[in-house]
Amino acid sequence: MQNFLWLTKILRYTARTSLVIVSIFWFVFALLSGAERYGGGLRGLVRSSPNALPWLLLLGVVYITFRWELMGGLLITILGFLTTTYFNTLESLPLFLTLSLPLMVMGGCLGTVII
């Protein structure tokens, strides 16, 4: 029983930490990727900010995950599956492996951790 609790704690903290890192990475990437097209600088960041709104939603779900793990894990898993249709990641294996699969795995880790 002690080993199970230890494994549960490791899965919980690994999934939470990974979710924070992944969601901040994609948020910053989406924010900065279109800024150069609009002239760069602060004005470019402001005009490119709508590109980062979906990733702001992910950060909100990560916050929910810290409050309610089971519900957050389910939402993260659903978001992982939704990214396969929204971003069409099934057409590109590298995109699927870097965008959709990590969300599915981390959401599954949090969804199965009940204790």
PDB file of N, CA and C in Angstrom:
ATOM      1  N   MET A   1       0.819  -1.192   0.000  1.00  0.00           N
ATOM      2  CA  MET A   1       0.000   0.000   0.000  1.00  0.00           C
ATOM      3  C   MET A   1       0.867   1.261   0.000  1.00  0.00           C
ATOM      4  N   GLN A   2       1.973   1.198   0.726  1.00  0.00           N
ATOM      5  CA  GLN A   2       2.870   2.345   0.797  1.00  0.00           C
ATOM      6  C   GLN A   2       3.473   2.658  -0.570  1.00  0.00           C
ATOM      7  N   ASN A   3       3.820   1.603  -1.330  1.00  0.00           N
ATOM      8  CA  ASN A   3       4.370   1.810  -2.672  1.00  0.00           C
ATOM      9  C   ASN A   3       3.343   2.447  -3.598  1.00  0.00           C
ATOM     10  N   PHE A   4       2.072   2.058  -3.457  1.00  0.00           N
ATOM     11  CA  PHE A   4       1.013   2.625  -4.273  1.00  0.00           C
ATOM     12  C   PHE A   4       0.849   4.118  -3.991  1.00  0.00           C
ATOM     13  N   LEU A   5       0.888   4.507  -2.727  1.00  0.00           N
ATOM     14  CA  LEU A   5       0.776   5.918  -2.369  1.00  0.00           C
ATOM     15  C   LEU A   5       1.971   6.708  -2.885  1.00  0.00           C
ATOM     16  N   TRP A   6       3.144   6.114  -2.844  1.00  0.00           N
ATOM     17  CA  TRP A   6       4.348   6.757  -3.358  1.00  0.00           C
ATOM     18  C   TRP A   6       4.241   6.965  -4.865  1.00  0.00           C
ATOM     19  N   LEU A   7       3.772   5.935  -5.595  1.00  0.00           N
ATOM     20  CA  LEU A   7       3.598   6.030  -7.035  1.00  0.00           C
ATOM     21  C   LEU A   7       2.526   7.065  -7.386  1.00  0.00           C
ATOM     22  N   THR A   8       1.461   7.101  -6.625  1.00  0.00           N
ATOM     23  CA  THR A   8       0.400   8.076  -6.841  1.00  0.00           C
ATOM     24  C   THR A   8       0.912   9.499  -6.678  1.00  0.00           C
ATOM     25  N   LYS A   9       1.714   9.714  -5.651  1.00  0.00           N
ATOM     26  CA  LYS A   9       2.259  11.047  -5.408  1.00  0.00           C
ATOM     27  C   LYS A   9       3.204  11.467  -6.537  1.00  0.00           C
ATOM     28  N   ILE A  10       4.022  10.538  -7.022  1.00  0.00           N
ATOM     29  CA  ILE A  10       4.938  10.837  -8.119  1.00  0.00           C
ATOM     30  C   ILE A  10       4.165  11.169  -9.394  1.00  0.00           C
ATOM     31  N   LEU A  11       3.131  10.370  -9.715  1.00  0.00           N
ATOM     32  CA  LEU A  11       2.320  10.645 -10.901  1.00  0.00           C
ATOM     33  C   LEU A  11       1.627  12.000 -10.796  1.00  0.00           C
ATOM     34  N   ARG A  12       1.116  12.306  -9.634  1.00  0.00           N
ATOM     35  CA  ARG A  12       0.406  13.566  -9.427  1.00  0.00           C
ATOM     36  C   ARG A  12       1.328  14.761  -9.657  1.00  0.00           C
ATOM     37  N   TYR A  13       2.483  14.778  -9.014  1.00  0.00           N
ATOM     38  CA  TYR A  13       3.388  15.918  -9.128  1.00  0.00           C
ATOM     39  C   TYR A  13       4.046  16.007 -10.504  1.00  0.00           C
ATOM     40  N   THR A  14       4.341  14.867 -11.102  1.00  0.00           N
ATOM     41  CA  THR A  14       4.916  14.873 -12.450  1.00  0.00           C
ATOM     42  C   THR A  14       3.917  15.419 -13.460  1.00  0.00           C
ATOM     43  N   ALA A  15       2.678  14.977 -13.372  1.00  0.00           N
ATOM     44  CA  ALA A  15       1.660  15.459 -14.305  1.00  0.00           C
ATOM     45  C   ALA A  15       1.384  16.940 -14.105  1.00  0.00           C
ATOM     46  N   ARG A  16       1.290  17.379 -12.867  1.00  0.00           N
ATOM     47  CA  ARG A  16       1.034  18.802 -12.604  1.00  0.00           C
ATOM     48  C   ARG A  16       2.169  19.679 -13.124  1.00  0.00           C
ATOM     49  N   THR A  17       3.394  19.302 -12.804  1.00  0.00           N
ATOM     50  CA  THR A  17       4.548  20.088 -13.237  1.00  0.00           C
ATOM     51  C   THR A  17       4.652  20.103 -14.757  1.00  0.00           C
ATOM     52  N   SER A  18       4.454  18.962 -15.383  1.00  0.00           N
ATOM     53  CA  SER A  18       4.519  18.882 -16.842  1.00  0.00           C
ATOM     54  C   SER A  18       3.426  19.723 -17.486  1.00  0.00           C
ATOM     55  N   LEU A  19       2.235  19.719 -16.900  1.00  0.00           N
ATOM     56  CA  LEU A  19       1.147  20.520 -17.448  1.00  0.00           C
ATOM     57  C   LEU A  19       1.452  22.006 -17.388  1.00  0.00           C
ATOM     58  N   VAL A  20       2.023  22.450 -16.290  1.00  0.00           N
ATOM     59  CA  VAL A  20       2.380  23.862 -16.172  1.00  0.00           C
ATOM     60  C   VAL A  20       3.433  24.232 -17.215  1.00  0.00           C
ATOM     61  N   ILE A  21       4.445  23.395 -17.355  1.00  0.00           N
ATOM     62  CA  ILE A  21       5.515  23.675 -18.319  1.00  0.00           C
ATOM     63  C   ILE A  21       4.981  23.679 -19.746  1.00  0.00           C
ATOM     64  N   VAL A  22       4.197  22.675 -20.108  1.00  0.00           N
ATOM     65  CA  VAL A  22       3.664  22.569 -21.465  1.00  0.00           C
ATOM     66  C   VAL A  22       2.713  23.718 -21.775  1.00  0.00           C
ATOM     67  N   SER A  23       1.837  24.050 -20.847  1.00  0.00           N
ATOM     68  CA  SER A  23       0.864  25.104 -21.127  1.00  0.00           C
ATOM     69  C   SER A  23       1.530  26.478 -21.223  1.00  0.00           C
ATOM     70  N   ILE A  24       2.518  26.750 -20.395  1.00  0.00           N
ATOM     71  CA  ILE A  24       3.232  28.024 -20.493  1.00  0.00           C
ATOM     72  C   ILE A  24       4.038  28.074 -21.790  1.00  0.00           C
ATOM     73  N   PHE A  25       4.664  26.968 -22.173  1.00  0.00           N
ATOM     74  CA  PHE A  25       5.417  26.931 -23.430  1.00  0.00           C
ATOM     75  C   PHE A  25       4.521  27.254 -24.612  1.00  0.00           C
ATOM     76  N   TRP A  26       3.370  26.578 -24.731  1.00  0.00           N
ATOM     77  CA  TRP A  26       2.499  26.801 -25.879  1.00  0.00           C
ATOM     78  C   TRP A  26       1.886  28.193 -25.848  1.00  0.00           C
ATOM     79  N   PHE A  27       1.600  28.726 -24.663  1.00  0.00           N
ATOM     80  CA  PHE A  27       1.062  30.078 -24.552  1.00  0.00           C
ATOM     81  C   PHE A  27       2.082  31.103 -25.057  1.00  0.00           C
ATOM     82  N   VAL A  28       3.314  30.999 -24.589  1.00  0.00           N
ATOM     83  CA  VAL A  28       4.362  31.935 -25.000  1.00  0.00           C
ATOM     84  C   VAL A  28       4.672  31.760 -26.486  1.00  0.00           C
ATOM     85  N   PHE A  29       4.713  30.534 -26.960  1.00  0.00           N
ATOM     86  CA  PHE A  29       4.976  30.284 -28.390  1.00  0.00           C
ATOM     87  C   PHE A  29       3.896  30.912 -29.253  1.00  0.00           C
ATOM     88  N   ALA A  30       2.627  30.737 -28.878  1.00  0.00           N
ATOM     89  CA  ALA A  30       1.532  31.313 -29.666  1.00  0.00           C
ATOM     90  C   ALA A  30       1.551  32.832 -29.608  1.00  0.00           C
ATOM     91  N   LEU A  31       1.943  33.374 -28.471  1.00  0.00           N
ATOM     92  CA  LEU A  31       1.987  34.826 -28.326  1.00  0.00           C
ATOM     93  C   LEU A  31       3.099  35.440 -29.158  1.00  0.00           C
ATOM     94  N   LEU A  32       4.263  34.798 -29.162  1.00  0.00           N
ATOM     95  CA  LEU A  32       5.419  35.359 -29.860  1.00  0.00           C
ATOM     96  C   LEU A  32       5.486  35.006 -31.338  1.00  0.00           C
ATOM     97  N   SER A  33       4.833  33.921 -31.741  1.00  0.00           N
ATOM     98  CA  SER A  33       4.991  33.458 -33.123  1.00  0.00           C
ATOM     99  C   SER A  33       4.389  34.418 -34.147  1.00  0.00           C
ATOM    100  N   GLY A  34       3.346  35.117 -33.811  1.00  0.00           N
ATOM    101  CA  GLY A  34       2.748  36.034 -34.777  1.00  0.00           C
ATOM    102  C   GLY A  34       3.135  37.475 -34.576  1.00  0.00           C
ATOM    103  N   ALA A  35       3.927  37.780 -33.564  1.00  0.00           N
ATOM    104  CA  ALA A  35       4.250  39.172 -33.251  1.00  0.00           C
ATOM    105  C   ALA A  35       5.115  39.818 -34.324  1.00  0.00           C
ATOM    106  N   GLU A  36       5.995  39.066 -34.932  1.00  0.00           N
ATOM    107  CA  GLU A  36       6.877  39.639 -35.953  1.00  0.00           C
ATOM    108  C   GLU A  36       6.087  40.063 -37.192  1.00  0.00           C
ATOM    109  N   ARG A  37       5.035  39.331 -37.492  1.00  0.00           N
ATOM    110  CA  ARG A  37       4.210  39.644 -38.656  1.00  0.00           C
ATOM    111  C   ARG A  37       3.527  41.013 -38.508  1.00  0.00           C
ATOM    112  N   TYR A  38       3.255  41.385 -37.246  1.00  0.00           N
ATOM    113  CA  TYR A  38       2.601  42.665 -36.979  1.00  0.00           C
ATOM    114  C   TYR A  38       3.584  43.778 -36.643  1.00  0.00           C
ATOM    115  N   GLY A  39       4.828  43.608 -36.931  1.00  0.00           N
ATOM    116  CA  GLY A  39       5.803  44.666 -36.722  1.00  0.00           C
ATOM    117  C   GLY A  39       6.691  44.470 -35.514  1.00  0.00           C
ATOM    118  N   GLY A  40       6.476  43.444 -34.742  1.00  0.00           N
ATOM    119  CA  GLY A  40       7.322  43.165 -33.588  1.00  0.00           C
ATOM    120  C   GLY A  40       7.076  44.112 -32.436  1.00  0.00           C
ATOM    121  N   GLY A  41       7.858  43.964 -31.406  1.00  0.00           N
ATOM    122  CA  GLY A  41       7.752  44.821 -30.231  1.00  0.00           C
ATOM    123  C   GLY A  41       6.452  44.597 -29.458  1.00  0.00           C
ATOM    124  N   LEU A  42       6.144  45.537 -28.600  1.00  0.00           N
ATOM    125  CA  LEU A  42       4.959  45.435 -27.752  1.00  0.00           C
ATOM    126  C   LEU A  42       3.682  45.515 -28.586  1.00  0.00           C
ATOM    127  N   ARG A  43       3.697  46.339 -29.607  1.00  0.00           N
ATOM    128  CA  ARG A  43       2.523  46.452 -30.475  1.00  0.00           C
ATOM    129  C   ARG A  43       2.245  45.125 -31.191  1.00  0.00           C
ATOM    130  N   GLY A  44       3.282  44.465 -31.637  1.00  0.00           N
ATOM    131  CA  GLY A  44       3.124  43.167 -32.276  1.00  0.00           C
ATOM    132  C   GLY A  44       2.595  42.115 -31.324  1.00  0.00           C
ATOM    133  N   LEU A  45       3.051  42.160 -30.070  1.00  0.00           N
ATOM    134  CA  LEU A  45       2.543  41.215 -29.070  1.00  0.00           C
ATOM    135  C   LEU A  45       1.062  41.424 -28.808  1.00  0.00           C
ATOM    136  N   VAL A  46       0.656  42.686 -28.714  1.00  0.00           N
ATOM    137  CA  VAL A  46      -0.753  42.983 -28.453  1.00  0.00           C
ATOM    138  C   VAL A  46      -1.622  42.549 -29.625  1.00  0.00           C
ATOM    139  N   ARG A  47      -1.176  42.806 -30.833  1.00  0.00           N
ATOM    140  CA  ARG A  47      -1.962  42.427 -32.015  1.00  0.00           C
ATOM    141  C   ARG A  47      -1.962  40.921 -32.253  1.00  0.00           C
ATOM    142  N   SER A  48      -0.954  40.228 -31.733  1.00  0.00           N
ATOM    143  CA  SER A  48      -0.864  38.778 -31.882  1.00  0.00           C
ATOM    144  C   SER A  48      -1.516  38.031 -30.719  1.00  0.00           C
ATOM    145  N   SER A  49      -1.969  38.734 -29.723  1.00  0.00           N
ATOM    146  CA  SER A  49      -2.501  38.078 -28.525  1.00  0.00           C
ATOM    147  C   SER A  49      -3.719  37.182 -28.763  1.00  0.00           C
ATOM    148  N   PRO A  50      -4.593  37.425 -29.751  1.00  0.00           N
ATOM    149  CA  PRO A  50      -5.682  36.467 -29.972  1.00  0.00           C
ATOM    150  C   PRO A  50      -5.205  35.059 -30.323  1.00  0.00           C
ATOM    151  N   ASN A  51      -3.991  34.934 -30.867  1.00  0.00           N
ATOM    152  CA  ASN A  51      -3.450  33.603 -31.159  1.00  0.00           C
ATOM    153  C   ASN A  51      -3.218  32.791 -29.897  1.00  0.00           C
ATOM    154  N   ALA A  52      -3.023  33.468 -28.775  1.00  0.00           N
ATOM    155  CA  ALA A  52      -2.695  32.788 -27.530  1.00  0.00           C
ATOM    156  C   ALA A  52      -3.926  32.476 -26.680  1.00  0.00           C
ATOM    157  N   LEU A  53      -5.109  32.905 -27.098  1.00  0.00           N
ATOM    158  CA  LEU A  53      -6.306  32.685 -26.283  1.00  0.00           C
ATOM    159  C   LEU A  53      -6.629  31.202 -26.032  1.00  0.00           C
ATOM    160  N   PRO A  54      -6.500  30.307 -27.030  1.00  0.00           N
ATOM    161  CA  PRO A  54      -6.760  28.894 -26.712  1.00  0.00           C
ATOM    162  C   PRO A  54      -5.817  28.345 -25.635  1.00  0.00           C
ATOM    163  N   TRP A  55      -4.591  28.849 -25.614  1.00  0.00           N
ATOM    164  CA  TRP A  55      -3.633  28.358 -24.632  1.00  0.00           C
ATOM    165  C   TRP A  55      -3.884  28.994 -23.270  1.00  0.00           C
ATOM    166  N   LEU A  56      -4.542  30.147 -23.258  1.00  0.00           N
ATOM    167  CA  LEU A  56      -4.981  30.728 -21.997  1.00  0.00           C
ATOM    168  C   LEU A  56      -6.081  29.857 -21.384  1.00  0.00           C
ATOM    169  N   LEU A  57      -6.913  29.274 -22.238  1.00  0.00           N
ATOM    170  CA  LEU A  57      -7.914  28.314 -21.773  1.00  0.00           C
ATOM    171  C   LEU A  57      -7.236  27.103 -21.132  1.00  0.00           C
ATOM    172  N   LEU A  58      -6.168  26.630 -21.752  1.00  0.00           N
ATOM    173  CA  LEU A  58      -5.422  25.503 -21.180  1.00  0.00           C
ATOM    174  C   LEU A  58      -4.851  25.863 -19.809  1.00  0.00           C
ATOM    175  N   LEU A  59      -4.334  27.078 -19.670  1.00  0.00           N
ATOM    176  CA  LEU A  59      -3.827  27.502 -18.358  1.00  0.00           C
ATOM    177  C   LEU A  59      -4.952  27.538 -17.325  1.00  0.00           C
ATOM    178  N   GLY A  60      -6.148  27.928 -17.743  1.00  0.00           N
ATOM    179  CA  GLY A  60      -7.297  27.903 -16.837  1.00  0.00           C
ATOM    180  C   GLY A  60      -7.657  26.487 -16.410  1.00  0.00           C
ATOM    181  N   VAL A  61      -7.586  25.557 -17.346  1.00  0.00           N
ATOM    182  CA  VAL A  61      -7.876  24.158 -17.005  1.00  0.00           C
ATOM    183  C   VAL A  61      -6.784  23.596 -16.097  1.00  0.00           C
ATOM    184  N   VAL A  62      -5.552  24.027 -16.283  1.00  0.00           N
ATOM    185  CA  VAL A  62      -4.473  23.599 -15.384  1.00  0.00           C
ATOM    186  C   VAL A  62      -4.741  24.104 -13.969  1.00  0.00           C
ATOM    187  N   TYR A  63      -5.256  25.320 -13.849  1.00  0.00           N
ATOM    188  CA  TYR A  63      -5.640  25.836 -12.523  1.00  0.00           C
ATOM    189  C   TYR A  63      -6.733  24.972 -11.907  1.00  0.00           C
ATOM    190  N   ILE A  64      -7.711  24.584 -12.716  1.00  0.00           N
ATOM    191  CA  ILE A  64      -8.769  23.688 -12.224  1.00  0.00           C
ATOM    192  C   ILE A  64      -8.173  22.372 -11.775  1.00  0.00           C
ATOM    193  N   THR A  65      -7.155  21.901 -12.480  1.00  0.00           N
ATOM    194  CA  THR A  65      -6.492  20.647 -12.137  1.00  0.00           C
ATOM    195  C   THR A  65      -5.848  20.720 -10.753  1.00  0.00           C
ATOM    196  N   PHE A  66      -5.287  21.872 -10.417  1.00  0.00           N
ATOM    197  CA  PHE A  66      -4.692  22.008  -9.093  1.00  0.00           C
ATOM    198  C   PHE A  66      -5.752  22.021  -8.002  1.00  0.00           C
ATOM    199  N   ARG A  67      -6.951  22.472  -8.324  1.00  0.00           N
ATOM    200  CA  ARG A  67      -8.023  22.513  -7.332  1.00  0.00           C
ATOM    201  C   ARG A  67      -8.747  21.167  -7.216  1.00  0.00           C
ATOM    202  N   TRP A  68      -9.146  20.603  -8.360  1.00  0.00           N
ATOM    203  CA  TRP A  68      -9.886  19.346  -8.406  1.00  0.00           C
ATOM    204  C   TRP A  68      -9.218  18.436  -9.424  1.00  0.00           C
ATOM    205  N   GLU A  69      -8.420  17.507  -8.933  1.00  0.00           N
ATOM    206  CA  GLU A  69      -7.582  16.686  -9.817  1.00  0.00           C
ATOM    207  C   GLU A  69      -8.380  15.815 -10.771  1.00  0.00           C
ATOM    208  N   LEU A  70      -9.400  15.155 -10.274  1.00  0.00           N
ATOM    209  CA  LEU A  70     -10.143  14.231 -11.121  1.00  0.00           C
ATOM    210  C   LEU A  70     -10.857  14.974 -12.244  1.00  0.00           C
ATOM    211  N   MET A  71     -11.522  16.075 -11.912  1.00  0.00           N
ATOM    212  CA  MET A  71     -12.213  16.874 -12.931  1.00  0.00           C
ATOM    213  C   MET A  71     -11.206  17.496 -13.897  1.00  0.00           C
ATOM    214  N   GLY A  72     -10.112  18.014 -13.371  1.00  0.00           N
ATOM    215  CA  GLY A  72      -9.082  18.602 -14.220  1.00  0.00           C
ATOM    216  C   GLY A  72      -8.444  17.581 -15.140  1.00  0.00           C
ATOM    217  N   GLY A  73      -8.186  16.386 -14.625  1.00  0.00           N
ATOM    218  CA  GLY A  73      -7.618  15.325 -15.458  1.00  0.00           C
ATOM    219  C   GLY A  73      -8.535  14.948 -16.601  1.00  0.00           C
ATOM    220  N   LEU A  74      -9.823  14.899 -16.311  1.00  0.00           N
ATOM    221  CA  LEU A  74     -10.802  14.593 -17.359  1.00  0.00           C
ATOM    222  C   LEU A  74     -10.836  15.710 -18.403  1.00  0.00           C
ATOM    223  N   LEU A  75     -10.818  16.959 -17.956  1.00  0.00           N
ATOM    224  CA  LEU A  75     -10.831  18.089 -18.895  1.00  0.00           C
ATOM    225  C   LEU A  75      -9.565  18.142 -19.740  1.00  0.00           C
ATOM    226  N   ILE A  76      -8.414  17.866 -19.137  1.00  0.00           N
ATOM    227  CA  ILE A  76      -7.154  17.856 -19.889  1.00  0.00           C
ATOM    228  C   ILE A  76      -7.175  16.757 -20.944  1.00  0.00           C
ATOM    229  N   THR A  77      -7.686  15.585 -20.594  1.00  0.00           N
ATOM    230  CA  THR A  77      -7.780  14.492 -21.560  1.00  0.00           C
ATOM    231  C   THR A  77      -8.706  14.867 -22.710  1.00  0.00           C
ATOM    232  N   ILE A  78      -9.835  15.476 -22.386  1.00  0.00           N
ATOM    233  CA  ILE A  78     -10.763  15.911 -23.434  1.00  0.00           C
ATOM    234  C   ILE A  78     -10.104  16.954 -24.329  1.00  0.00           C
ATOM    235  N   LEU A  79      -9.377  17.908 -23.730  1.00  0.00           N
ATOM    236  CA  LEU A  79      -8.665  18.898 -24.540  1.00  0.00           C
ATOM    237  C   LEU A  79      -7.628  18.240 -25.445  1.00  0.00           C
ATOM    238  N   GLY A  80      -6.971  17.206 -24.945  1.00  0.00           N
ATOM    239  CA  GLY A  80      -6.003  16.477 -25.773  1.00  0.00           C
ATOM    240  C   GLY A  80      -6.665  15.859 -26.986  1.00  0.00           C
ATOM    241  N   PHE A  81      -7.844  15.278 -26.793  1.00  0.00           N
ATOM    242  CA  PHE A  81      -8.561  14.696 -27.930  1.00  0.00           C
ATOM    243  C   PHE A  81      -9.103  15.785 -28.861  1.00  0.00           C
ATOM    244  N   LEU A  82      -9.525  16.912 -28.306  1.00  0.00           N
ATOM    245  CA  LEU A  82     -10.023  18.004 -29.143  1.00  0.00           C
ATOM    246  C   LEU A  82      -8.922  18.613 -30.007  1.00  0.00           C
ATOM    247  N   THR A  83      -7.680  18.600 -29.516  1.00  0.00           N
ATOM    248  CA  THR A  83      -6.594  19.153 -30.325  1.00  0.00           C
ATOM    249  C   THR A  83      -6.352  18.314 -31.581  1.00  0.00           C
ATOM    250  N   THR A  84      -6.720  17.041 -31.554  1.00  0.00           N
ATOM    251  CA  THR A  84      -6.534  16.222 -32.751  1.00  0.00           C
ATOM    252  C   THR A  84      -7.441  16.686 -33.886  1.00  0.00           C
ATOM    253  N   THR A  85      -8.619  17.211 -33.563  1.00  0.00           N
ATOM    254  CA  THR A  85      -9.510  17.699 -34.616  1.00  0.00           C
ATOM    255  C   THR A  85      -9.272  19.182 -34.901  1.00  0.00           C
ATOM    256  N   TYR A  86      -9.067  19.990 -33.865  1.00  0.00           N
ATOM    257  CA  TYR A  86      -8.909  21.434 -34.044  1.00  0.00           C
ATOM    258  C   TYR A  86      -7.629  21.782 -34.792  1.00  0.00           C
ATOM    259  N   PHE A  87      -6.521  21.140 -34.405  1.00  0.00           N
ATOM    260  CA  PHE A  87      -5.240  21.398 -35.051  1.00  0.00           C
ATOM    261  C   PHE A  87      -4.884  20.337 -36.093  1.00  0.00           C
ATOM    262  N   ASN A  88      -5.763  19.338 -36.279  1.00  0.00           N
ATOM    263  CA  ASN A  88      -5.561  18.266 -37.247  1.00  0.00           C
ATOM    264  C   ASN A  88      -4.211  17.578 -37.041  1.00  0.00           C
ATOM    265  N   THR A  89      -3.939  17.201 -35.806  1.00  0.00           N
ATOM    266  CA  THR A  89      -2.632  16.631 -35.477  1.00  0.00           C
ATOM    267  C   THR A  89      -2.478  15.174 -35.918  1.00  0.00           C
ATOM    268  N   LEU A  90      -3.566  14.522 -36.281  1.00  0.00           N
ATOM    269  CA  LEU A  90      -3.434  13.140 -36.747  1.00  0.00           C
ATOM    270  C   LEU A  90      -2.775  13.062 -38.115  1.00  0.00           C
ATOM    271  N   GLU A  91      -2.731  14.170 -38.834  1.00  0.00           N
ATOM    272  CA  GLU A  91      -2.079  14.201 -40.145  1.00  0.00           C
ATOM    273  C   GLU A  91      -0.562  14.271 -40.034  1.00  0.00           C
ATOM    274  N   SER A  92      -0.051  14.751 -38.913  1.00  0.00           N
ATOM    275  CA  SER A  92       1.387  14.929 -38.737  1.00  0.00           C
ATOM    276  C   SER A  92       1.818  14.259 -37.427  1.00  0.00           C
ATOM    277  N   LEU A  93       2.618  13.229 -37.527  1.00  0.00           N
ATOM    278  CA  LEU A  93       3.059  12.504 -36.342  1.00  0.00           C
ATOM    279  C   LEU A  93       3.857  13.379 -35.374  1.00  0.00           C
ATOM    280  N   PRO A  94       4.815  14.208 -35.835  1.00  0.00           N
ATOM    281  CA  PRO A  94       5.538  15.048 -34.874  1.00  0.00           C
ATOM    282  C   PRO A  94       4.615  16.026 -34.134  1.00  0.00           C
ATOM    283  N   LEU A  95       3.638  16.569 -34.838  1.00  0.00           N
ATOM    284  CA  LEU A  95       2.698  17.479 -34.185  1.00  0.00           C
ATOM    285  C   LEU A  95       1.832  16.740 -33.177  1.00  0.00           C
ATOM    286  N   PHE A  96       1.413  15.537 -33.509  1.00  0.00           N
ATOM    287  CA  PHE A  96       0.622  14.731 -32.582  1.00  0.00           C
ATOM    288  C   PHE A  96       1.431  14.397 -31.328  1.00  0.00           C
ATOM    289  N   LEU A  97       2.712  14.045 -31.525  1.00  0.00           N
ATOM    290  CA  LEU A  97       3.553  13.656 -30.393  1.00  0.00           C
ATOM    291  C   LEU A  97       3.909  14.834 -29.485  1.00  0.00           C
ATOM    292  N   THR A  98       3.905  16.050 -30.014  1.00  0.00           N
ATOM    293  CA  THR A  98       4.285  17.203 -29.190  1.00  0.00           C
ATOM    294  C   THR A  98       3.092  17.987 -28.673  1.00  0.00           C
ATOM    295  N   LEU A  99       1.919  17.817 -29.262  1.00  0.00           N
ATOM    296  CA  LEU A  99       0.779  18.621 -28.857  1.00  0.00           C
ATOM    297  C   LEU A  99      -0.329  17.799 -28.211  1.00  0.00           C
ATOM    298  N   SER A 100      -0.838  16.816 -28.886  1.00  0.00           N
ATOM    299  CA  SER A 100      -2.006  16.084 -28.409  1.00  0.00           C
ATOM    300  C   SER A 100      -1.660  14.986 -27.406  1.00  0.00           C
ATOM    301  N   LEU A 101      -0.679  14.177 -27.721  1.00  0.00           N
ATOM    302  CA  LEU A 101      -0.358  13.037 -26.855  1.00  0.00           C
ATOM    303  C   LEU A 101       0.054  13.435 -25.438  1.00  0.00           C
ATOM    304  N   PRO A 102       0.896  14.469 -25.257  1.00  0.00           N
ATOM    305  CA  PRO A 102       1.225  14.842 -23.872  1.00  0.00           C
ATOM    306  C   PRO A 102       0.003  15.240 -23.052  1.00  0.00           C
ATOM    307  N   LEU A 103      -0.940  15.946 -23.664  1.00  0.00           N
ATOM    308  CA  LEU A 103      -2.146  16.317 -22.931  1.00  0.00           C
ATOM    309  C   LEU A 103      -2.968  15.088 -22.563  1.00  0.00           C
ATOM    310  N   MET A 104      -3.069  14.147 -23.483  1.00  0.00           N
ATOM    311  CA  MET A 104      -3.828  12.927 -23.199  1.00  0.00           C
ATOM    312  C   MET A 104      -3.184  12.119 -22.072  1.00  0.00           C
ATOM    313  N   VAL A 105      -1.870  11.985 -22.127  1.00  0.00           N
ATOM    314  CA  VAL A 105      -1.155  11.188 -21.118  1.00  0.00           C
ATOM    315  C   VAL A 105      -1.226  11.857 -19.744  1.00  0.00           C
ATOM    316  N   MET A 106      -0.968  13.158 -19.692  1.00  0.00           N
ATOM    317  CA  MET A 106      -0.994  13.848 -18.392  1.00  0.00           C
ATOM    318  C   MET A 106      -2.390  13.901 -17.820  1.00  0.00           C
ATOM    319  N   GLY A 107      -3.390  14.105 -18.670  1.00  0.00           N
ATOM    320  CA  GLY A 107      -4.764  14.061 -18.193  1.00  0.00           C
ATOM    321  C   GLY A 107      -5.146  12.689 -17.700  1.00  0.00           C
ATOM    322  N   GLY A 108      -4.666  11.662 -18.397  1.00  0.00           N
ATOM    323  CA  GLY A 108      -4.920  10.294 -17.937  1.00  0.00           C
ATOM    324  C   GLY A 108      -4.250  10.000 -16.611  1.00  0.00           C
ATOM    325  N   CYS A 109      -3.051  10.518 -16.413  1.00  0.00           N
ATOM    326  CA  CYS A 109      -2.365  10.323 -15.129  1.00  0.00           C
ATOM    327  C   CYS A 109      -3.142  10.971 -13.987  1.00  0.00           C
ATOM    328  N   LEU A 110      -3.656  12.170 -14.226  1.00  0.00           N
ATOM    329  CA  LEU A 110      -4.406  12.848 -13.178  1.00  0.00           C
ATOM    330  C   LEU A 110      -5.805  12.258 -13.009  1.00  0.00           C
ATOM    331  N   GLY A 111      -6.367  11.749 -14.105  1.00  0.00           N
ATOM    332  CA  GLY A 111      -7.699  11.155 -14.024  1.00  0.00           C
ATOM    333  C   GLY A 111      -7.727   9.821 -13.314  1.00  0.00           C
ATOM    334  N   THR A 112      -6.606   9.120 -13.294  1.00  0.00           N
ATOM    335  CA  THR A 112      -6.574   7.814 -12.640  1.00  0.00           C
ATOM    336  C   THR A 112      -6.115   7.913 -11.185  1.00  0.00           C
ATOM    337  N   VAL A 113      -5.543   9.060 -10.810  1.00  0.00           N
ATOM    338  CA  VAL A 113      -5.085   9.244  -9.430  1.00  0.00           C
ATOM    339  C   VAL A 113      -6.277   9.683  -8.599  1.00  0.00           C
ATOM    340  N   ILE A 114      -6.819   8.770  -7.818  1.00  0.00           N
ATOM    341  CA  ILE A 114      -8.026   9.057  -7.042  1.00  0.00           C
ATOM    342  C   ILE A 114      -7.685   9.406  -5.596  1.00  0.00           C
ATOM    343  N   ILE A 115      -6.617   8.869  -5.106  1.00  0.00           N
ATOM    344  CA  ILE A 115      -6.291   9.087  -3.695  1.00  0.00           C
ATOM    345  C   ILE A 115      -5.606  10.433  -3.518  1.00  0.00           C
TER     346      ILE A 115
END
